[in-house]
């Protein structure tokens, strides 16, 4: 159970880093495309990409916590 706990904790950390990269890329692309009139959506729409990542991070954290608690 200790290995499972560590694996899901590592996965949560990796998802956090990936989320930052994806959201930054989408928001930056939308911002500069909006400056030239290439998109009709505001750049803040890119922040909606946080939702699936946040759900996955919370799920990984819960699994990691419960596995750690069971190993004791």
Protein backbone atom coordinates (compact mmCIF):
# COMPACT_ATOMS: atom_id res chain seq x y z
CA UNK A 1 0.00 0.00 0.00
CA UNK A 2 2.93 2.32 0.61
CA UNK A 3 4.02 2.06 -3.04
CA UNK A 4 0.47 2.76 -4.22
CA UNK A 5 0.29 5.81 -1.97
CA UNK A 6 3.59 7.13 -3.28
CA UNK A 7 2.60 6.46 -6.90
CA UNK A 8 -0.63 8.43 -6.63
CA UNK A 9 1.10 11.25 -4.76
CA UNK A 10 3.66 11.46 -7.57
CA UNK A 11 0.87 11.37 -10.15
CA UNK A 12 -0.90 14.27 -8.41
CA UNK A 13 2.30 16.32 -8.49
CA UNK A 14 2.89 15.53 -12.17
CA UNK A 15 -0.71 16.45 -13.02
CA UNK A 16 -0.26 19.77 -11.27
CA UNK A 17 2.79 20.58 -13.38
CA UNK A 18 1.12 19.44 -16.60
CA UNK A 19 -1.96 21.52 -15.75
CA UNK A 20 0.17 24.65 -15.38
CA UNK A 21 1.80 24.11 -18.76
CA UNK A 22 -1.45 23.37 -20.60
CA UNK A 23 -3.42 26.26 -19.12
CA UNK A 24 -0.58 28.71 -19.70
CA UNK A 25 -0.22 27.60 -23.31
CA UNK A 26 -3.96 27.81 -24.05
CA UNK A 27 -4.40 31.18 -22.34
CA UNK A 28 -1.35 32.67 -24.03
CA UNK A 29 -2.39 31.40 -27.45
CA UNK A 30 -5.92 32.71 -26.98
CA UNK A 31 -4.65 36.07 -25.76
CA UNK A 32 -2.40 36.68 -28.73
CA UNK A 33 -4.93 35.31 -31.21
CA UNK A 34 -7.52 37.67 -29.73
CA UNK A 35 -5.21 40.63 -30.22
CA UNK A 36 -5.24 40.03 -33.97
CA UNK A 37 -8.96 39.21 -34.18
CA UNK A 38 -8.39 35.53 -34.92
CA UNK A 39 -10.68 34.24 -32.16
CA UNK A 40 -14.03 35.28 -30.76
CA UNK A 41 -13.55 33.81 -27.29
CA UNK A 42 -11.75 35.72 -24.55
CA UNK A 43 -8.51 34.32 -23.18
CA UNK A 44 -10.18 33.53 -19.84
CA UNK A 45 -11.97 30.60 -21.51
CA UNK A 46 -8.62 28.80 -21.39
CA UNK A 47 -8.98 28.70 -17.61
CA UNK A 48 -11.75 26.13 -18.04
CA UNK A 49 -9.02 23.58 -18.71
CA UNK A 50 -8.31 23.66 -14.98
CA UNK A 51 -11.54 21.79 -14.16
CA UNK A 52 -10.62 18.26 -15.41
CA UNK A 53 -7.11 18.56 -14.04
CA UNK A 54 -8.41 19.67 -10.64
CA UNK A 55 -10.80 16.72 -10.48
CA UNK A 56 -7.99 14.29 -11.33
CA UNK A 57 -5.61 15.87 -8.80
CA UNK A 58 -8.21 15.68 -6.05
CA UNK A 59 -8.99 12.04 -6.92
CA UNK A 60 -5.29 11.10 -6.86
CA UNK A 61 -4.84 12.85 -3.54
CA UNK A 62 -7.78 11.00 -2.00
CA UNK A 63 -6.51 7.63 -3.23
CA UNK A 64 -3.02 8.41 -1.98
CA UNK A 65 -4.30 9.47 1.43
CA UNK A 66 -6.56 6.44 1.85
CA UNK A 67 -3.81 4.03 0.75
CA UNK A 68 -1.39 5.63 3.18
CA UNK A 69 -3.93 5.36 5.98
CA UNK A 70 -4.56 1.65 5.22
CA UNK A 71 -0.85 0.86 5.26
CA UNK A 72 -0.53 1.98 8.87
